[in-house]
């Protein structure tokens, strides 16, 4: 069964809340980081942003594709 991944670099705050173990405060931190520094590369970088290890369940649900990907579902496509 394919689980739906959350595209960390494209997700809105409500979508980011679907990540296991991410609080509303952490969603704000993720959004602020993306605004200031650009896309989040991987789970290791996300752990540094959140200030704690990322649970395996979160890693399994996170897609770290860059926001400038030419995917058809990208904003403005």
PDB file of N, CA and C in Angstrom:
ATOM      1  N   UNK A   1       0.838  -1.192   0.000  1.00  0.00           N
ATOM      2  CA  UNK A   1       0.000   0.000   0.000  1.00  0.00           C
ATOM      3  C   UNK A   1       0.881   1.254   0.000  1.00  0.00           C
ATOM      4  N   UNK A   2       0.530   2.179  -0.853  1.00  0.00           N
ATOM      5  CA  UNK A   2       1.297   3.421  -0.967  1.00  0.00           C
ATOM      6  C   UNK A   2       0.735   4.461  -0.006  1.00  0.00           C
ATOM      7  N   UNK A   3       1.578   4.961   0.882  1.00  0.00           N
ATOM      8  CA  UNK A   3       1.120   6.007   1.784  1.00  0.00           C
ATOM      9  C   UNK A   3       1.321   7.357   1.111  1.00  0.00           C
ATOM     10  N   UNK A   4       0.452   8.291   1.410  1.00  0.00           N
ATOM     11  CA  UNK A   4       0.563   9.628   0.848  1.00  0.00           C
ATOM     12  C   UNK A   4       1.701  10.352   1.556  1.00  0.00           C
ATOM     13  N   UNK A   5       2.606  10.896   0.762  1.00  0.00           N
ATOM     14  CA  UNK A   5       3.736  11.642   1.328  1.00  0.00           C
ATOM     15  C   UNK A   5       3.381  13.117   1.401  1.00  0.00           C
ATOM     16  N   UNK A   6       3.922  13.776   2.410  1.00  0.00           N
ATOM     17  CA  UNK A   6       3.769  15.222   2.537  1.00  0.00           C
ATOM     18  C   UNK A   6       5.000  15.853   1.915  1.00  0.00           C
ATOM     19  N   UNK A   7       4.795  16.710   0.926  1.00  0.00           N
ATOM     20  CA  UNK A   7       5.916  17.384   0.268  1.00  0.00           C
ATOM     21  C   UNK A   7       6.332  18.563   1.147  1.00  0.00           C
ATOM     22  N   UNK A   8       7.349  18.325   1.942  1.00  0.00           N
ATOM     23  CA  UNK A   8       7.771  19.269   2.982  1.00  0.00           C
ATOM     24  C   UNK A   8       8.020  20.670   2.426  1.00  0.00           C
ATOM     25  N   UNK A   9       8.548  20.765   1.219  1.00  0.00           N
ATOM     26  CA  UNK A   9       8.897  22.071   0.666  1.00  0.00           C
ATOM     27  C   UNK A   9       7.760  22.755  -0.089  1.00  0.00           C
ATOM     28  N   UNK A  10       6.640  22.073  -0.262  1.00  0.00           N
ATOM     29  CA  UNK A  10       5.482  22.657  -0.942  1.00  0.00           C
ATOM     30  C   UNK A  10       4.239  22.710  -0.058  1.00  0.00           C
ATOM     31  N   UNK A  11       4.232  21.922   1.005  1.00  0.00           N
ATOM     32  CA  UNK A  11       3.027  21.782   1.828  1.00  0.00           C
ATOM     33  C   UNK A  11       2.662  23.083   2.536  1.00  0.00           C
ATOM     34  N   UNK A  12       1.346  23.293   2.653  1.00  0.00           N
ATOM     35  CA  UNK A  12       0.878  24.415   3.458  1.00  0.00           C
ATOM     36  C   UNK A  12       0.862  23.969   4.926  1.00  0.00           C
ATOM     37  N   UNK A  13       0.622  24.896   5.858  1.00  0.00           N
ATOM     38  CA  UNK A  13       0.662  24.512   7.278  1.00  0.00           C
ATOM     39  C   UNK A  13      -0.260  23.354   7.641  1.00  0.00           C
ATOM     40  N   UNK A  14      -1.467  23.304   7.087  1.00  0.00           N
ATOM     41  CA  UNK A  14      -2.363  22.193   7.413  1.00  0.00           C
ATOM     42  C   UNK A  14      -1.802  20.860   6.938  1.00  0.00           C
ATOM     43  N   UNK A  15      -1.188  20.864   5.759  1.00  0.00           N
ATOM     44  CA  UNK A  15      -0.586  19.630   5.243  1.00  0.00           C
ATOM     45  C   UNK A  15       0.613  19.213   6.094  1.00  0.00           C
ATOM     46  N   UNK A  16       1.411  20.179   6.542  1.00  0.00           N
ATOM     47  CA  UNK A  16       2.565  19.858   7.386  1.00  0.00           C
ATOM     48  C   UNK A  16       2.130  19.216   8.702  1.00  0.00           C
ATOM     49  N   UNK A  17       0.940  19.573   9.185  1.00  0.00           N
ATOM     50  CA  UNK A  17       0.439  18.977  10.430  1.00  0.00           C
ATOM     51  C   UNK A  17       0.137  17.491  10.268  1.00  0.00           C
ATOM     52  N   UNK A  18       0.044  17.004   9.023  1.00  0.00           N
ATOM     53  CA  UNK A  18      -0.189  15.581   8.782  1.00  0.00           C
ATOM     54  C   UNK A  18       1.066  14.745   9.055  1.00  0.00           C
ATOM     55  N   UNK A  19       2.217  15.393   9.170  1.00  0.00           N
ATOM     56  CA  UNK A  19       3.449  14.666   9.487  1.00  0.00           C
ATOM     57  C   UNK A  19       3.374  14.178  10.930  1.00  0.00           C
ATOM     58  N   UNK A  20       3.675  12.903  11.172  1.00  0.00           N
ATOM     59  CA  UNK A  20       3.596  12.363  12.543  1.00  0.00           C
ATOM     60  C   UNK A  20       4.516  13.109  13.497  1.00  0.00           C
ATOM     61  N   UNK A  21       3.965  13.533  14.633  1.00  0.00           N
ATOM     62  CA  UNK A  21       4.777  14.146  15.681  1.00  0.00           C
ATOM     63  C   UNK A  21       5.116  15.603  15.480  1.00  0.00           C
ATOM     64  N   UNK A  22       4.532  16.270  14.470  1.00  0.00           N
ATOM     65  CA  UNK A  22       4.836  17.687  14.236  1.00  0.00           C
ATOM     66  C   UNK A  22       3.719  18.532  14.853  1.00  0.00           C
ATOM     67  N   UNK A  23       4.117  19.451  15.727  1.00  0.00           N
ATOM     68  CA  UNK A  23       3.160  20.321  16.415  1.00  0.00           C
ATOM     69  C   UNK A  23       2.915  21.591  15.594  1.00  0.00           C
ATOM     70  N   UNK A  24       1.858  22.325  15.904  1.00  0.00           N
ATOM     71  CA  UNK A  24       1.616  23.604  15.210  1.00  0.00           C
ATOM     72  C   UNK A  24       2.805  24.568  15.325  1.00  0.00           C
ATOM     73  N   UNK A  25       3.459  24.584  16.476  1.00  0.00           N
ATOM     74  CA  UNK A  25       4.627  25.456  16.647  1.00  0.00           C
ATOM     75  C   UNK A  25       5.756  25.037  15.700  1.00  0.00           C
ATOM     76  N   UNK A  26       5.933  23.715  15.550  1.00  0.00           N
ATOM     77  CA  UNK A  26       6.976  23.224  14.655  1.00  0.00           C
ATOM     78  C   UNK A  26       6.632  23.521  13.199  1.00  0.00           C
ATOM     79  N   UNK A  27       5.350  23.482  12.858  1.00  0.00           N
ATOM     80  CA  UNK A  27       4.927  23.864  11.506  1.00  0.00           C
ATOM     81  C   UNK A  27       5.356  25.302  11.235  1.00  0.00           C
ATOM     82  N   UNK A  28       5.133  26.206  12.203  1.00  0.00           N
ATOM     83  CA  UNK A  28       5.548  27.597  12.036  1.00  0.00           C
ATOM     84  C   UNK A  28       7.055  27.691  11.813  1.00  0.00           C
ATOM     85  N   UNK A  29       7.816  26.890  12.551  1.00  0.00           N
ATOM     86  CA  UNK A  29       9.271  26.878  12.423  1.00  0.00           C
ATOM     87  C   UNK A  29       9.682  26.410  11.023  1.00  0.00           C
ATOM     88  N   UNK A  30       9.032  25.370  10.525  1.00  0.00           N
ATOM     89  CA  UNK A  30       9.336  24.846   9.187  1.00  0.00           C
ATOM     90  C   UNK A  30       9.033  25.907   8.125  1.00  0.00           C
ATOM     91  N   UNK A  31       7.872  26.543   8.223  1.00  0.00           N
ATOM     92  CA  UNK A  31       7.475  27.554   7.237  1.00  0.00           C
ATOM     93  C   UNK A  31       8.444  28.736   7.268  1.00  0.00           C
ATOM     94  N   UNK A  32       8.816  29.182   8.470  1.00  0.00           N
ATOM     95  CA  UNK A  32       9.769  30.292   8.587  1.00  0.00           C
ATOM     96  C   UNK A  32      11.120  29.924   7.982  1.00  0.00           C
ATOM     97  N   UNK A  33      11.587  28.694   8.241  1.00  0.00           N
ATOM     98  CA  UNK A  33      12.867  28.260   7.691  1.00  0.00           C
ATOM     99  C   UNK A  33      12.815  28.280   6.167  1.00  0.00           C
ATOM    100  N   UNK A  34      11.757  27.721   5.590  1.00  0.00           N
ATOM    101  CA  UNK A  34      11.633  27.683   4.124  1.00  0.00           C
ATOM    102  C   UNK A  34      11.648  29.082   3.544  1.00  0.00           C
ATOM    103  N   UNK A  35      10.963  30.014   4.208  1.00  0.00           N
ATOM    104  CA  UNK A  35      10.897  31.396   3.726  1.00  0.00           C
ATOM    105  C   UNK A  35      12.281  32.040   3.730  1.00  0.00           C
ATOM    106  N   UNK A  36      13.039  31.794   4.789  1.00  0.00           N
ATOM    107  CA  UNK A  36      14.332  32.448   4.954  1.00  0.00           C
ATOM    108  C   UNK A  36      15.481  31.741   4.243  1.00  0.00           C
ATOM    109  N   UNK A  37      15.422  30.416   4.145  1.00  0.00           N
ATOM    110  CA  UNK A  37      16.581  29.650   3.684  1.00  0.00           C
ATOM    111  C   UNK A  37      16.321  28.779   2.459  1.00  0.00           C
ATOM    112  N   UNK A  38      15.066  28.659   2.051  1.00  0.00           N
ATOM    113  CA  UNK A  38      14.752  27.820   0.896  1.00  0.00           C
ATOM    114  C   UNK A  38      14.425  26.394   1.300  1.00  0.00           C
ATOM    115  N   UNK A  39      14.451  25.497   0.315  1.00  0.00           N
ATOM    116  CA  UNK A  39      13.999  24.118   0.550  1.00  0.00           C
ATOM    117  C   UNK A  39      14.798  23.384   1.622  1.00  0.00           C
ATOM    118  N   UNK A  40      14.109  22.498   2.322  1.00  0.00           N
ATOM    119  CA  UNK A  40      14.735  21.625   3.318  1.00  0.00           C
ATOM    120  C   UNK A  40      15.221  20.391   2.573  1.00  0.00           C
ATOM    121  N   UNK A  41      16.489  20.042   2.749  1.00  0.00           N
ATOM    122  CA  UNK A  41      17.118  18.976   1.954  1.00  0.00           C
ATOM    123  C   UNK A  41      16.676  17.569   2.324  1.00  0.00           C
ATOM    124  N   UNK A  42      16.598  17.289   3.637  1.00  0.00           N
ATOM    125  CA  UNK A  42      16.371  15.904   4.060  1.00  0.00           C
ATOM    126  C   UNK A  42      15.968  15.853   5.525  1.00  0.00           C
ATOM    127  N   UNK A  43      15.736  14.644   6.023  1.00  0.00           N
ATOM    128  CA  UNK A  43      15.279  14.464   7.402  1.00  0.00           C
ATOM    129  C   UNK A  43      16.321  14.954   8.409  1.00  0.00           C
ATOM    130  N   UNK A  44      17.599  14.834   8.082  1.00  0.00           N
ATOM    131  CA  UNK A  44      18.653  15.299   8.992  1.00  0.00           C
ATOM    132  C   UNK A  44      18.566  16.811   9.171  1.00  0.00           C
ATOM    133  N   UNK A  45      18.383  17.531   8.066  1.00  0.00           N
ATOM    134  CA  UNK A  45      18.252  18.982   8.165  1.00  0.00           C
ATOM    135  C   UNK A  45      16.965  19.352   8.915  1.00  0.00           C
ATOM    136  N   UNK A  46      15.885  18.629   8.646  1.00  0.00           N
ATOM    137  CA  UNK A  46      14.626  18.889   9.348  1.00  0.00           C
ATOM    138  C   UNK A  46      14.790  18.687  10.851  1.00  0.00           C
ATOM    139  N   UNK A  47      15.526  17.648  11.243  1.00  0.00           N
ATOM    140  CA  UNK A  47      15.780  17.398  12.665  1.00  0.00           C
ATOM    141  C   UNK A  47      16.499  18.588  13.292  1.00  0.00           C
ATOM    142  N   UNK A  48      17.472  19.150  12.576  1.00  0.00           N
ATOM    143  CA  UNK A  48      18.188  20.321  13.078  1.00  0.00           C
ATOM    144  C   UNK A  48      17.280  21.528  13.233  1.00  0.00           C
ATOM    145  N   UNK A  49      16.357  21.700  12.290  1.00  0.00           N
ATOM    146  CA  UNK A  49      15.415  22.813  12.338  1.00  0.00           C
ATOM    147  C   UNK A  49      14.468  22.657  13.530  1.00  0.00           C
ATOM    148  N   UNK A  50      14.004  21.437  13.750  1.00  0.00           N
ATOM    149  CA  UNK A  50      13.044  21.178  14.830  1.00  0.00           C
ATOM    150  C   UNK A  50      13.716  21.045  16.196  1.00  0.00           C
ATOM    151  N   UNK A  51      15.030  20.807  16.208  1.00  0.00           N
ATOM    152  CA  UNK A  51      15.762  20.724  17.462  1.00  0.00           C
ATOM    153  C   UNK A  51      15.690  19.363  18.129  1.00  0.00           C
ATOM    154  N   UNK A  52      15.276  18.339  17.394  1.00  0.00           N
ATOM    155  CA  UNK A  52      15.251  16.977  17.952  1.00  0.00           C
ATOM    156  C   UNK A  52      15.261  15.979  16.807  1.00  0.00           C
ATOM    157  N   UNK A  53      15.554  14.743  17.131  1.00  0.00           N
ATOM    158  CA  UNK A  53      15.569  13.693  16.113  1.00  0.00           C
ATOM    159  C   UNK A  53      14.187  13.558  15.489  1.00  0.00           C
ATOM    160  N   UNK A  54      14.176  13.249  14.211  1.00  0.00           N
ATOM    161  CA  UNK A  54      12.919  13.071  13.484  1.00  0.00           C
ATOM    162  C   UNK A  54      12.493  11.612  13.614  1.00  0.00           C
ATOM    163  N   UNK A  55      11.278  11.353  14.085  1.00  0.00           N
ATOM    164  CA  UNK A  55      10.823   9.964  14.202  1.00  0.00           C
ATOM    165  C   UNK A  55      10.811   9.263  12.842  1.00  0.00           C
ATOM    166  N   UNK A  56      11.048   7.961  12.848  1.00  0.00           N
ATOM    167  CA  UNK A  56      11.054   7.199  11.604  1.00  0.00           C
ATOM    168  C   UNK A  56       9.739   7.361  10.853  1.00  0.00           C
ATOM    169  N   UNK A  57       8.628   7.395  11.574  1.00  0.00           N
ATOM    170  CA  UNK A  57       7.321   7.560  10.934  1.00  0.00           C
ATOM    171  C   UNK A  57       7.249   8.865  10.152  1.00  0.00           C
ATOM    172  N   UNK A  58       7.860   9.917  10.694  1.00  0.00           N
ATOM    173  CA  UNK A  58       7.865  11.194   9.985  1.00  0.00           C
ATOM    174  C   UNK A  58       8.706  11.075   8.725  1.00  0.00           C
ATOM    175  N   UNK A  59       9.875  10.484   8.829  1.00  0.00           N
ATOM    176  CA  UNK A  59      10.743  10.315   7.655  1.00  0.00           C
ATOM    177  C   UNK A  59      10.034   9.560   6.536  1.00  0.00           C
ATOM    178  N   UNK A  60       9.239   8.561   6.918  1.00  0.00           N
ATOM    179  CA  UNK A  60       8.536   7.748   5.927  1.00  0.00           C
ATOM    180  C   UNK A  60       7.429   8.528   5.227  1.00  0.00           C
ATOM    181  N   UNK A  61       6.916   9.574   5.869  1.00  0.00           N
ATOM    182  CA  UNK A  61       5.816  10.348   5.292  1.00  0.00           C
ATOM    183  C   UNK A  61       6.271  11.655   4.652  1.00  0.00           C
ATOM    184  N   UNK A  62       7.554  11.960   4.748  1.00  0.00           N
ATOM    185  CA  UNK A  62       8.054  13.234   4.233  1.00  0.00           C
ATOM    186  C   UNK A  62       8.708  13.054   2.867  1.00  0.00           C
ATOM    187  N   UNK A  63       8.376  13.957   1.965  1.00  0.00           N
ATOM    188  CA  UNK A  63       9.002  13.999   0.641  1.00  0.00           C
ATOM    189  C   UNK A  63       9.767  15.313   0.576  1.00  0.00           C
ATOM    190  N   UNK A  64      11.077  15.224   0.400  1.00  0.00           N
ATOM    191  CA  UNK A  64      11.921  16.425   0.415  1.00  0.00           C
ATOM    192  C   UNK A  64      12.260  16.914  -0.993  1.00  0.00           C
ATOM    193  N   UNK A  65      11.412  16.606  -1.970  1.00  0.00           N
ATOM    194  CA  UNK A  65      11.634  17.122  -3.319  1.00  0.00           C
ATOM    195  C   UNK A  65      11.752  18.642  -3.246  1.00  0.00           C
ATOM    196  N   UNK A  66      12.671  19.211  -4.003  1.00  0.00           N
ATOM    197  CA  UNK A  66      12.809  20.671  -3.958  1.00  0.00           C
ATOM    198  C   UNK A  66      11.550  21.359  -4.470  1.00  0.00           C
ATOM    199  N   UNK A  67      11.291  22.538  -3.956  1.00  0.00           N
ATOM    200  CA  UNK A  67      10.072  23.258  -4.316  1.00  0.00           C
ATOM    201  C   UNK A  67      10.078  23.685  -5.778  1.00  0.00           C
ATOM    202  N   UNK A  68      11.252  23.788  -6.394  1.00  0.00           N
ATOM    203  CA  UNK A  68      11.303  24.215  -7.795  1.00  0.00           C
ATOM    204  C   UNK A  68      11.185  23.051  -8.776  1.00  0.00           C
ATOM    205  N   UNK A  69      10.798  21.885  -8.286  1.00  0.00           N
ATOM    206  CA  UNK A  69      10.604  20.734  -9.157  1.00  0.00           C
ATOM    207  C   UNK A  69       9.541  21.037 -10.203  1.00  0.00           C
ATOM    208  N   UNK A  70       9.653  20.422 -11.343  1.00  0.00           N
ATOM    209  CA  UNK A  70       8.727  20.686 -12.435  1.00  0.00           C
ATOM    210  C   UNK A  70       7.546  19.716 -12.403  1.00  0.00           C
ATOM    211  N   UNK A  71       7.183  19.275 -11.221  1.00  0.00           N
ATOM    212  CA  UNK A  71       6.050  18.373 -11.069  1.00  0.00           C
ATOM    213  C   UNK A  71       4.756  19.069 -11.484  1.00  0.00           C
ATOM    214  N   UNK A  72       3.851  18.349 -12.118  1.00  0.00           N
ATOM    215  CA  UNK A  72       2.617  18.967 -12.592  1.00  0.00           C
ATOM    216  C   UNK A  72       1.770  19.583 -11.494  1.00  0.00           C
ATOM    217  N   UNK A  73       1.893  19.050 -10.262  1.00  0.00           N
ATOM    218  CA  UNK A  73       1.085  19.597  -9.185  1.00  0.00           C
ATOM    219  C   UNK A  73       1.732  20.812  -8.510  1.00  0.00           C
ATOM    220  N   UNK A  74       2.875  21.252  -9.033  1.00  0.00           N
ATOM    221  CA  UNK A  74       3.552  22.406  -8.452  1.00  0.00           C
ATOM    222  C   UNK A  74       2.684  23.670  -8.629  1.00  0.00           C
ATOM    223  N   UNK A  75       2.740  24.597  -7.680  1.00  0.00           N
ATOM    224  CA  UNK A  75       1.942  25.820  -7.795  1.00  0.00           C
ATOM    225  C   UNK A  75       2.221  26.550  -9.105  1.00  0.00           C
ATOM    226  N   UNK A  76       1.184  27.010  -9.724  1.00  0.00           N
ATOM    227  CA  UNK A  76       1.339  27.756 -10.983  1.00  0.00           C
ATOM    228  C   UNK A  76       1.435  26.882 -12.210  1.00  0.00           C
ATOM    229  N   UNK A  77       1.417  25.564 -12.031  1.00  0.00           N
ATOM    230  CA  UNK A  77       1.545  24.674 -13.184  1.00  0.00           C
ATOM    231  C   UNK A  77       0.224  24.583 -13.928  1.00  0.00           C
TER     232      UNK A  77
END
